[in-house]
Amino acid sequence: MSFARTALRLSAGPIAWALHFAAIYGFTSVACTRGLASAVPWAIGVATLAAGAACVAIVVAGMRRRDEFESWLSAALAGLALLAIAWEALTVLLVRPCA
């Protein structure tokens, strides 16, 4: 397997987390500026479901081939990214979006 493919497979979970992070905070800042505070929880929910589903798919694919170290490591990193995504989404329940 090529280095680029292995690197992409290992970093797929953290990339999903980074995209989720940028999407939710970017959308929140634009929505608050435009006066669309009611759309923020819905957008964060949709982004969280999409990023969470991507991480779950990465974990499942990695655990199917867990005898390979790279597959196991990609599943572990995606699991950590899933935890980070859930932690970010928790702010919807705790903080008003446009305070």
PDB file of N, CA and C in Angstrom:
ATOM      1  N   MET A   1       0.847  -1.171   0.000  1.00  0.00           N
ATOM      2  CA  MET A   1       0.000   0.000   0.000  1.00  0.00           C
ATOM      3  C   MET A   1       0.894   1.236   0.000  1.00  0.00           C
ATOM      4  N   SER A   2       0.480   2.258  -0.724  1.00  0.00           N
ATOM      5  CA  SER A   2       1.303   3.453  -0.850  1.00  0.00           C
ATOM      6  C   SER A   2       1.260   4.283   0.434  1.00  0.00           C
ATOM      7  N   PHE A   3       2.270   5.117   0.579  1.00  0.00           N
ATOM      8  CA  PHE A   3       2.372   5.976   1.756  1.00  0.00           C
ATOM      9  C   PHE A   3       1.201   6.949   1.825  1.00  0.00           C
ATOM     10  N   ALA A   4       0.830   7.527   0.691  1.00  0.00           N
ATOM     11  CA  ALA A   4      -0.258   8.510   0.675  1.00  0.00           C
ATOM     12  C   ALA A   4      -1.583   7.874   1.093  1.00  0.00           C
ATOM     13  N   ARG A   5      -1.844   6.682   0.616  1.00  0.00           N
ATOM     14  CA  ARG A   5      -3.092   6.007   0.968  1.00  0.00           C
ATOM     15  C   ARG A   5      -3.115   5.644   2.450  1.00  0.00           C
ATOM     16  N   THR A   6      -2.005   5.178   2.967  1.00  0.00           N
ATOM     17  CA  THR A   6      -1.918   4.847   4.389  1.00  0.00           C
ATOM     18  C   THR A   6      -2.078   6.092   5.244  1.00  0.00           C
ATOM     19  N   ALA A   7      -1.432   7.176   4.848  1.00  0.00           N
ATOM     20  CA  ALA A   7      -1.541   8.424   5.599  1.00  0.00           C
ATOM     21  C   ALA A   7      -2.972   8.956   5.587  1.00  0.00           C
ATOM     22  N   LEU A   8      -3.647   8.855   4.455  1.00  0.00           N
ATOM     23  CA  LEU A   8      -5.028   9.309   4.376  1.00  0.00           C
ATOM     24  C   LEU A   8      -5.944   8.439   5.229  1.00  0.00           C
ATOM     25  N   ARG A   9      -5.707   7.142   5.210  1.00  0.00           N
ATOM     26  CA  ARG A   9      -6.530   6.239   6.015  1.00  0.00           C
ATOM     27  C   ARG A   9      -6.332   6.493   7.508  1.00  0.00           C
ATOM     28  N   LEU A  10      -5.095   6.760   7.913  1.00  0.00           N
ATOM     29  CA  LEU A  10      -4.828   7.028   9.323  1.00  0.00           C
ATOM     30  C   LEU A  10      -5.409   8.365   9.769  1.00  0.00           C
ATOM     31  N   SER A  11      -5.419   9.334   8.893  1.00  0.00           N
ATOM     32  CA  SER A  11      -5.879  10.666   9.286  1.00  0.00           C
ATOM     33  C   SER A  11      -7.339  10.937   8.927  1.00  0.00           C
ATOM     34  N   ALA A  12      -8.071   9.960   8.468  1.00  0.00           N
ATOM     35  CA  ALA A  12      -9.468  10.177   8.076  1.00  0.00           C
ATOM     36  C   ALA A  12     -10.332  10.596   9.265  1.00  0.00           C
ATOM     37  N   GLY A  13     -10.153   9.994  10.408  1.00  0.00           N
ATOM     38  CA  GLY A  13     -10.923  10.373  11.600  1.00  0.00           C
ATOM     39  C   GLY A  13     -10.620  11.792  12.053  1.00  0.00           C
ATOM     40  N   PRO A  14      -9.339  12.142  12.240  1.00  0.00           N
ATOM     41  CA  PRO A  14      -9.040  13.532  12.601  1.00  0.00           C
ATOM     42  C   PRO A  14      -9.466  14.550  11.546  1.00  0.00           C
ATOM     43  N   ILE A  15      -9.468  14.167  10.276  1.00  0.00           N
ATOM     44  CA  ILE A  15      -9.950  15.079   9.233  1.00  0.00           C
ATOM     45  C   ILE A  15     -11.455  15.296   9.392  1.00  0.00           C
ATOM     46  N   ALA A  16     -12.200  14.237   9.687  1.00  0.00           N
ATOM     47  CA  ALA A  16     -13.646  14.375   9.923  1.00  0.00           C
ATOM     48  C   ALA A  16     -13.897  15.291  11.116  1.00  0.00           C
ATOM     49  N   TRP A  17     -13.112  15.151  12.173  1.00  0.00           N
ATOM     50  CA  TRP A  17     -13.250  16.024  13.334  1.00  0.00           C
ATOM     51  C   TRP A  17     -12.944  17.474  12.958  1.00  0.00           C
ATOM     52  N   ALA A  18     -11.878  17.706  12.216  1.00  0.00           N
ATOM     53  CA  ALA A  18     -11.491  19.071  11.847  1.00  0.00           C
ATOM     54  C   ALA A  18     -12.553  19.725  10.962  1.00  0.00           C
ATOM     55  N   LEU A  19     -13.116  18.968  10.033  1.00  0.00           N
ATOM     56  CA  LEU A  19     -14.187  19.509   9.192  1.00  0.00           C
ATOM     57  C   LEU A  19     -15.423  19.830  10.019  1.00  0.00           C
ATOM     58  N   HIS A  20     -15.741  18.963  10.962  1.00  0.00           N
ATOM     59  CA  HIS A  20     -16.876  19.215  11.849  1.00  0.00           C
ATOM     60  C   HIS A  20     -16.638  20.470  12.678  1.00  0.00           C
ATOM     61  N   PHE A  21     -15.469  20.592  13.231  1.00  0.00           N
ATOM     62  CA  PHE A  21     -15.110  21.758  14.047  1.00  0.00           C
ATOM     63  C   PHE A  21     -15.249  23.040  13.247  1.00  0.00           C
ATOM     64  N   ALA A  22     -14.680  23.066  12.060  1.00  0.00           N
ATOM     65  CA  ALA A  22     -14.742  24.262  11.219  1.00  0.00           C
ATOM     66  C   ALA A  22     -16.173  24.564  10.787  1.00  0.00           C
ATOM     67  N   ALA A  23     -16.933  23.527  10.479  1.00  0.00           N
ATOM     68  CA  ALA A  23     -18.306  23.738  10.008  1.00  0.00           C
ATOM     69  C   ALA A  23     -19.192  24.300  11.108  1.00  0.00           C
ATOM     70  N   ILE A  24     -19.123  23.727  12.307  1.00  0.00           N
ATOM     71  CA  ILE A  24     -20.059  24.183  13.330  1.00  0.00           C
ATOM     72  C   ILE A  24     -19.704  25.577  13.843  1.00  0.00           C
ATOM     73  N   TYR A  25     -18.435  25.850  14.025  1.00  0.00           N
ATOM     74  CA  TYR A  25     -18.082  27.178  14.531  1.00  0.00           C
ATOM     75  C   TYR A  25     -18.161  28.231  13.433  1.00  0.00           C
ATOM     76  N   GLY A  26     -17.857  27.858  12.215  1.00  0.00           N
ATOM     77  CA  GLY A  26     -18.014  28.788  11.101  1.00  0.00           C
ATOM     78  C   GLY A  26     -19.473  29.133  10.866  1.00  0.00           C
ATOM     79  N   PHE A  27     -20.330  28.123  10.852  1.00  0.00           N
ATOM     80  CA  PHE A  27     -21.754  28.378  10.647  1.00  0.00           C
ATOM     81  C   PHE A  27     -22.335  29.178  11.802  1.00  0.00           C
ATOM     82  N   THR A  28     -21.926  28.866  13.019  1.00  0.00           N
ATOM     83  CA  THR A  28     -22.438  29.598  14.171  1.00  0.00           C
ATOM     84  C   THR A  28     -22.087  31.073  14.088  1.00  0.00           C
ATOM     85  N   SER A  29     -20.872  31.380  13.708  1.00  0.00           N
ATOM     86  CA  SER A  29     -20.474  32.794  13.622  1.00  0.00           C
ATOM     87  C   SER A  29     -21.235  33.526  12.519  1.00  0.00           C
ATOM     88  N   VAL A  30     -21.418  32.881  11.383  1.00  0.00           N
ATOM     89  CA  VAL A  30     -22.171  33.517  10.292  1.00  0.00           C
ATOM     90  C   VAL A  30     -23.648  33.644  10.665  1.00  0.00           C
ATOM     91  N   ALA A  31     -24.226  32.608  11.260  1.00  0.00           N
ATOM     92  CA  ALA A  31     -25.641  32.644  11.629  1.00  0.00           C
ATOM     93  C   ALA A  31     -25.910  33.697  12.693  1.00  0.00           C
ATOM     94  N   CYS A  32     -25.020  33.831  13.644  1.00  0.00           N
ATOM     95  CA  CYS A  32     -25.214  34.846  14.678  1.00  0.00           C
ATOM     96  C   CYS A  32     -25.084  36.245  14.099  1.00  0.00           C
ATOM     97  N   THR A  33     -24.195  36.428  13.148  1.00  0.00           N
ATOM     98  CA  THR A  33     -24.041  37.731  12.506  1.00  0.00           C
ATOM     99  C   THR A  33     -25.288  38.090  11.707  1.00  0.00           C
ATOM    100  N   ARG A  34     -25.911  37.118  11.071  1.00  0.00           N
ATOM    101  CA  ARG A  34     -27.082  37.358  10.217  1.00  0.00           C
ATOM    102  C   ARG A  34     -28.405  37.275  10.974  1.00  0.00           C
ATOM    103  N   GLY A  35     -28.357  36.986  12.263  1.00  0.00           N
ATOM    104  CA  GLY A  35     -29.583  36.907  13.045  1.00  0.00           C
ATOM    105  C   GLY A  35     -30.351  35.617  12.879  1.00  0.00           C
ATOM    106  N   LEU A  36     -29.671  34.526  12.599  1.00  0.00           N
ATOM    107  CA  LEU A  36     -30.307  33.225  12.400  1.00  0.00           C
ATOM    108  C   LEU A  36     -29.966  32.258  13.533  1.00  0.00           C
ATOM    109  N   ALA A  37     -30.095  32.718  14.756  1.00  0.00           N
ATOM    110  CA  ALA A  37     -29.701  31.902  15.907  1.00  0.00           C
ATOM    111  C   ALA A  37     -30.517  30.624  16.028  1.00  0.00           C
ATOM    112  N   SER A  38     -31.745  30.625  15.550  1.00  0.00           N
ATOM    113  CA  SER A  38     -32.584  29.428  15.672  1.00  0.00           C
ATOM    114  C   SER A  38     -32.110  28.290  14.769  1.00  0.00           C
ATOM    115  N   ALA A  39     -31.334  28.599  13.751  1.00  0.00           N
ATOM    116  CA  ALA A  39     -30.847  27.558  12.836  1.00  0.00           C
ATOM    117  C   ALA A  39     -29.583  26.878  13.347  1.00  0.00           C
ATOM    118  N   VAL A  40     -28.927  27.472  14.326  1.00  0.00           N
ATOM    119  CA  VAL A  40     -27.643  26.937  14.792  1.00  0.00           C
ATOM    120  C   VAL A  40     -27.764  25.534  15.376  1.00  0.00           C
ATOM    121  N   PRO A  41     -28.683  25.248  16.293  1.00  0.00           N
ATOM    122  CA  PRO A  41     -28.755  23.874  16.829  1.00  0.00           C
ATOM    123  C   PRO A  41     -29.043  22.828  15.761  1.00  0.00           C
ATOM    124  N   TRP A  42     -29.880  23.171  14.795  1.00  0.00           N
ATOM    125  CA  TRP A  42     -30.186  22.218  13.722  1.00  0.00           C
ATOM    126  C   TRP A  42     -28.968  21.950  12.855  1.00  0.00           C
ATOM    127  N   ALA A  43     -28.246  22.993  12.519  1.00  0.00           N
ATOM    128  CA  ALA A  43     -27.054  22.824  11.681  1.00  0.00           C
ATOM    129  C   ALA A  43     -25.984  22.028  12.412  1.00  0.00           C
ATOM    130  N   ILE A  44     -25.815  22.291  13.692  1.00  0.00           N
ATOM    131  CA  ILE A  44     -24.833  21.535  14.469  1.00  0.00           C
ATOM    132  C   ILE A  44     -25.263  20.076  14.585  1.00  0.00           C
ATOM    133  N   GLY A  45     -26.555  19.834  14.741  1.00  0.00           N
ATOM    134  CA  GLY A  45     -27.045  18.458  14.797  1.00  0.00           C
ATOM    135  C   GLY A  45     -26.781  17.691  13.514  1.00  0.00           C
ATOM    136  N   VAL A  46     -27.048  18.328  12.386  1.00  0.00           N
ATOM    137  CA  VAL A  46     -26.816  17.675  11.093  1.00  0.00           C
ATOM    138  C   VAL A  46     -25.322  17.423  10.875  1.00  0.00           C
ATOM    139  N   ALA A  47     -24.505  18.417  11.179  1.00  0.00           N
ATOM    140  CA  ALA A  47     -23.056  18.253  11.013  1.00  0.00           C
ATOM    141  C   ALA A  47     -22.518  17.166  11.935  1.00  0.00           C
ATOM    142  N   THR A  48     -23.052  17.098  13.141  1.00  0.00           N
ATOM    143  CA  THR A  48     -22.607  16.080  14.098  1.00  0.00           C
ATOM    144  C   THR A  48     -23.002  14.681  13.630  1.00  0.00           C
ATOM    145  N   LEU A  49     -24.205  14.550  13.121  1.00  0.00           N
ATOM    146  CA  LEU A  49     -24.619  13.240  12.611  1.00  0.00           C
ATOM    147  C   LEU A  49     -23.765  12.802  11.425  1.00  0.00           C
ATOM    148  N   ALA A  50     -23.463  13.728  10.528  1.00  0.00           N
ATOM    149  CA  ALA A  50     -22.653  13.378   9.358  1.00  0.00           C
ATOM    150  C   ALA A  50     -21.231  12.994   9.763  1.00  0.00           C
ATOM    151  N   ALA A  51     -20.614  13.805  10.609  1.00  0.00           N
ATOM    152  CA  ALA A  51     -19.239  13.507  11.035  1.00  0.00           C
ATOM    153  C   ALA A  51     -19.191  12.253  11.894  1.00  0.00           C
ATOM    154  N   GLY A  52     -20.201  12.074  12.740  1.00  0.00           N
ATOM    155  CA  GLY A  52     -20.256  10.866  13.565  1.00  0.00           C
ATOM    156  C   GLY A  52     -20.426   9.613  12.728  1.00  0.00           C
ATOM    157  N   ALA A  53     -21.267   9.685  11.714  1.00  0.00           N
ATOM    158  CA  ALA A  53     -21.451   8.526  10.827  1.00  0.00           C
ATOM    159  C   ALA A  53     -20.166   8.205  10.074  1.00  0.00           C
ATOM    160  N   ALA A  54     -19.445   9.230   9.656  1.00  0.00           N
ATOM    161  CA  ALA A  54     -18.167   8.999   8.968  1.00  0.00           C
ATOM    162  C   ALA A  54     -17.173   8.313   9.900  1.00  0.00           C
ATOM    163  N   CYS A  55     -17.104   8.773  11.138  1.00  0.00           N
ATOM    164  CA  CYS A  55     -16.171   8.155  12.087  1.00  0.00           C
ATOM    165  C   CYS A  55     -16.571   6.724  12.426  1.00  0.00           C
ATOM    166  N   VAL A  56     -17.855   6.484  12.575  1.00  0.00           N
ATOM    167  CA  VAL A  56     -18.312   5.118  12.846  1.00  0.00           C
ATOM    168  C   VAL A  56     -17.969   4.199  11.676  1.00  0.00           C
ATOM    169  N   ALA A  57     -18.134   4.683  10.455  1.00  0.00           N
ATOM    170  CA  ALA A  57     -17.781   3.881   9.279  1.00  0.00           C
ATOM    171  C   ALA A  57     -16.291   3.578   9.251  1.00  0.00           C
ATOM    172  N   ILE A  58     -15.467   4.537   9.634  1.00  0.00           N
ATOM    173  CA  ILE A  58     -14.019   4.323   9.675  1.00  0.00           C
ATOM    174  C   ILE A  58     -13.653   3.302  10.745  1.00  0.00           C
ATOM    175  N   VAL A  59     -14.313   3.402  11.905  1.00  0.00           N
ATOM    176  CA  VAL A  59     -14.049   2.440  12.984  1.00  0.00           C
ATOM    177  C   VAL A  59     -14.451   1.033  12.550  1.00  0.00           C
ATOM    178  N   VAL A  60     -15.612   0.892  11.932  1.00  0.00           N
ATOM    179  CA  VAL A  60     -16.073  -0.431  11.493  1.00  0.00           C
ATOM    180  C   VAL A  60     -15.118  -1.006  10.444  1.00  0.00           C
ATOM    181  N   ALA A  61     -14.705  -0.181   9.492  1.00  0.00           N
ATOM    182  CA  ALA A  61     -13.777  -0.664   8.457  1.00  0.00           C
ATOM    183  C   ALA A  61     -12.427  -1.043   9.064  1.00  0.00           C
ATOM    184  N   GLY A  62     -11.976  -0.261  10.029  1.00  0.00           N
ATOM    185  CA  GLY A  62     -10.698  -0.573  10.662  1.00  0.00           C
ATOM    186  C   GLY A  62     -10.749  -1.827  11.506  1.00  0.00           C
ATOM    187  N   MET A  63     -11.873  -2.068  12.162  1.00  0.00           N
ATOM    188  CA  MET A  63     -11.978  -3.246  13.011  1.00  0.00           C
ATOM    189  C   MET A  63     -12.186  -4.528  12.216  1.00  0.00           C
ATOM    190  N   ARG A  64     -12.632  -4.411  10.980  1.00  0.00           N
ATOM    191  CA  ARG A  64     -12.755  -5.621  10.146  1.00  0.00           C
ATOM    192  C   ARG A  64     -11.383  -6.187   9.803  1.00  0.00           C
ATOM    193  N   ARG A  65     -10.405  -5.308   9.680  1.00  0.00           N
ATOM    194  CA  ARG A  65      -9.043  -5.745   9.369  1.00  0.00           C
ATOM    195  C   ARG A  65      -8.123  -5.416  10.539  1.00  0.00           C
ATOM    196  N   ARG A  66      -8.514  -5.762  11.738  1.00  0.00           N
ATOM    197  CA  ARG A  66      -7.754  -5.358  12.911  1.00  0.00           C
ATOM    198  C   ARG A  66      -6.424  -6.090  13.079  1.00  0.00           C
ATOM    199  N   ASP A  67      -6.157  -7.089  12.248  1.00  0.00           N
ATOM    200  CA  ASP A  67      -4.862  -7.761  12.327  1.00  0.00           C
ATOM    201  C   ASP A  67      -3.740  -6.893  11.752  1.00  0.00           C
ATOM    202  N   GLU A  68      -4.090  -5.887  10.954  1.00  0.00           N
ATOM    203  CA  GLU A  68      -3.105  -4.938  10.447  1.00  0.00           C
ATOM    204  C   GLU A  68      -3.014  -3.765  11.417  1.00  0.00           C
ATOM    205  N   PHE A  69      -1.795  -3.348  11.723  1.00  0.00           N
ATOM    206  CA  PHE A  69      -1.605  -2.266  12.683  1.00  0.00           C
ATOM    207  C   PHE A  69      -2.211  -0.961  12.190  1.00  0.00           C
ATOM    208  N   GLU A  70      -2.052  -0.660  10.914  1.00  0.00           N
ATOM    209  CA  GLU A  70      -2.582   0.598  10.385  1.00  0.00           C
ATOM    210  C   GLU A  70      -4.102   0.648  10.479  1.00  0.00           C
ATOM    211  N   SER A  71      -4.753  -0.472  10.236  1.00  0.00           N
ATOM    212  CA  SER A  71      -6.210  -0.515  10.337  1.00  0.00           C
ATOM    213  C   SER A  71      -6.666  -0.320  11.771  1.00  0.00           C
ATOM    214  N   TRP A  72      -5.983  -0.961  12.696  1.00  0.00           N
ATOM    215  CA  TRP A  72      -6.325  -0.805  14.102  1.00  0.00           C
ATOM    216  C   TRP A  72      -6.103   0.635  14.541  1.00  0.00           C
ATOM    217  N   LEU A  73      -4.989   1.238  14.124  1.00  0.00           N
ATOM    218  CA  LEU A  73      -4.689   2.603  14.507  1.00  0.00           C
ATOM    219  C   LEU A  73      -5.675   3.589  13.897  1.00  0.00           C
ATOM    220  N   SER A  74      -6.076   3.378  12.657  1.00  0.00           N
ATOM    221  CA  SER A  74      -7.068   4.273  12.054  1.00  0.00           C
ATOM    222  C   SER A  74      -8.401   4.165  12.784  1.00  0.00           C
ATOM    223  N   ALA A  75      -8.784   2.973  13.220  1.00  0.00           N
ATOM    224  CA  ALA A  75     -10.017   2.809  13.990  1.00  0.00           C
ATOM    225  C   ALA A  75      -9.916   3.508  15.340  1.00  0.00           C
ATOM    226  N   ALA A  76      -8.768   3.402  15.987  1.00  0.00           N
ATOM    227  CA  ALA A  76      -8.584   4.057  17.284  1.00  0.00           C
ATOM    228  C   ALA A  76      -8.615   5.577  17.144  1.00  0.00           C
ATOM    229  N   LEU A  77      -7.959   6.107  16.128  1.00  0.00           N
ATOM    230  CA  LEU A  77      -7.969   7.555  15.913  1.00  0.00           C
ATOM    231  C   LEU A  77      -9.368   8.059  15.555  1.00  0.00           C
ATOM    232  N   ALA A  78     -10.105   7.283  14.777  1.00  0.00           N
ATOM    233  CA  ALA A  78     -11.482   7.667  14.448  1.00  0.00           C
ATOM    234  C   ALA A  78     -12.367   7.601  15.689  1.00  0.00           C
ATOM    235  N   GLY A  79     -12.110   6.658  16.573  1.00  0.00           N
ATOM    236  CA  GLY A  79     -12.855   6.594  17.831  1.00  0.00           C
ATOM    237  C   GLY A  79     -12.597   7.809  18.699  1.00  0.00           C
ATOM    238  N   LEU A  80     -11.350   8.235  18.765  1.00  0.00           N
ATOM    239  CA  LEU A  80     -11.032   9.457  19.505  1.00  0.00           C
ATOM    240  C   LEU A  80     -11.656  10.680  18.852  1.00  0.00           C
ATOM    241  N   ALA A  81     -11.665  10.714  17.525  1.00  0.00           N
ATOM    242  CA  ALA A  81     -12.303  11.822  16.817  1.00  0.00           C
ATOM    243  C   ALA A  81     -13.804  11.832  17.086  1.00  0.00           C
ATOM    244  N   LEU A  82     -14.415  10.666  17.175  1.00  0.00           N
ATOM    245  CA  LEU A  82     -15.840  10.576  17.494  1.00  0.00           C
ATOM    246  C   LEU A  82     -16.118  11.141  18.884  1.00  0.00           C
ATOM    247  N   LEU A  83     -15.252  10.859  19.820  1.00  0.00           N
ATOM    248  CA  LEU A  83     -15.386  11.426  21.159  1.00  0.00           C
ATOM    249  C   LEU A  83     -15.265  12.945  21.128  1.00  0.00           C
ATOM    250  N   ALA A  84     -14.322  13.466  20.352  1.00  0.00           N
ATOM    251  CA  ALA A  84     -14.153  14.913  20.230  1.00  0.00           C
ATOM    252  C   ALA A  84     -15.353  15.564  19.557  1.00  0.00           C
ATOM    253  N   ILE A  85     -15.929  14.901  18.573  1.00  0.00           N
ATOM    254  CA  ILE A  85     -17.116  15.421  17.888  1.00  0.00           C
ATOM    255  C   ILE A  85     -18.290  15.484  18.862  1.00  0.00           C
ATOM    256  N   ALA A  86     -18.465  14.457  19.657  1.00  0.00           N
ATOM    257  CA  ALA A  86     -19.543  14.464  20.649  1.00  0.00           C
ATOM    258  C   ALA A  86     -19.325  15.567  21.681  1.00  0.00           C
ATOM    259  N   TRP A  87     -18.095  15.784  22.077  1.00  0.00           N
ATOM    260  CA  TRP A  87     -17.767  16.827  23.052  1.00  0.00           C
ATOM    261  C   TRP A  87     -18.087  18.212  22.490  1.00  0.00           C
ATOM    262  N   GLU A  88     -17.775  18.426  21.224  1.00  0.00           N
ATOM    263  CA  GLU A  88     -18.091  19.707  20.592  1.00  0.00           C
ATOM    264  C   GLU A  88     -19.599  19.911  20.481  1.00  0.00           C
ATOM    265  N   ALA A  89     -20.322  18.870  20.151  1.00  0.00           N
ATOM    266  CA  ALA A  89     -21.768  18.982  19.983  1.00  0.00           C
ATOM    267  C   ALA A  89     -22.475  19.213  21.319  1.00  0.00           C
ATOM    268  N   LEU A  90     -21.841  18.869  22.402  1.00  0.00           N
ATOM    269  CA  LEU A  90     -22.412  19.062  23.725  1.00  0.00           C
ATOM    270  C   LEU A  90     -22.656  20.545  24.021  1.00  0.00           C
ATOM    271  N   THR A  91     -21.917  21.421  23.382  1.00  0.00           N
ATOM    272  CA  THR A  91     -22.085  22.852  23.626  1.00  0.00           C
ATOM    273  C   THR A  91     -23.475  23.337  23.241  1.00  0.00           C
ATOM    274  N   VAL A  92     -24.139  22.662  22.308  1.00  0.00           N
ATOM    275  CA  VAL A  92     -25.500  23.047  21.903  1.00  0.00           C
ATOM    276  C   VAL A  92     -26.441  22.951  23.104  1.00  0.00           C
ATOM    277  N   LEU A  93     -26.223  21.978  23.951  1.00  0.00           N
ATOM    278  CA  LEU A  93     -27.092  21.784  25.102  1.00  0.00           C
ATOM    279  C   LEU A  93     -26.738  22.700  26.272  1.00  0.00           C
ATOM    280  N   LEU A  94     -25.523  23.194  26.319  1.00  0.00           N
ATOM    281  CA  LEU A  94     -25.063  23.946  27.476  1.00  0.00           C
ATOM    282  C   LEU A  94     -25.010  25.454  27.302  1.00  0.00           C
ATOM    283  N   VAL A  95     -24.818  25.923  26.071  1.00  0.00           N
ATOM    284  CA  VAL A  95     -24.579  27.336  25.842  1.00  0.00           C
ATOM    285  C   VAL A  95     -25.548  27.855  24.777  1.00  0.00           C
ATOM    286  N   ARG A  96     -26.073  29.056  25.003  1.00  0.00           N
ATOM    287  CA  ARG A  96     -26.902  29.668  23.978  1.00  0.00           C
ATOM    288  C   ARG A  96     -26.011  30.004  22.771  1.00  0.00           C
ATOM    289  N   PRO A  97     -26.503  29.830  21.559  1.00  0.00           N
ATOM    290  CA  PRO A  97     -25.643  29.986  20.386  1.00  0.00           C
ATOM    291  C   PRO A  97     -25.119  31.399  20.167  1.00  0.00           C
ATOM    292  N   CYS A  98     -25.924  32.388  20.397  1.00  0.00           N
ATOM    293  CA  CYS A  98     -25.502  33.761  20.094  1.00  0.00           C
ATOM    294  C   CYS A  98     -25.570  34.617  21.352  1.00  0.00           C
ATOM    295  N   ALA A  99     -24.854  34.230  22.362  1.00  0.00           N
ATOM    296  CA  ALA A  99     -24.887  34.965  23.626  1.00  0.00           C
ATOM    297  C   ALA A  99     -24.099  36.250  23.555  1.00  0.00           C
TER     298      ALA A  99
END
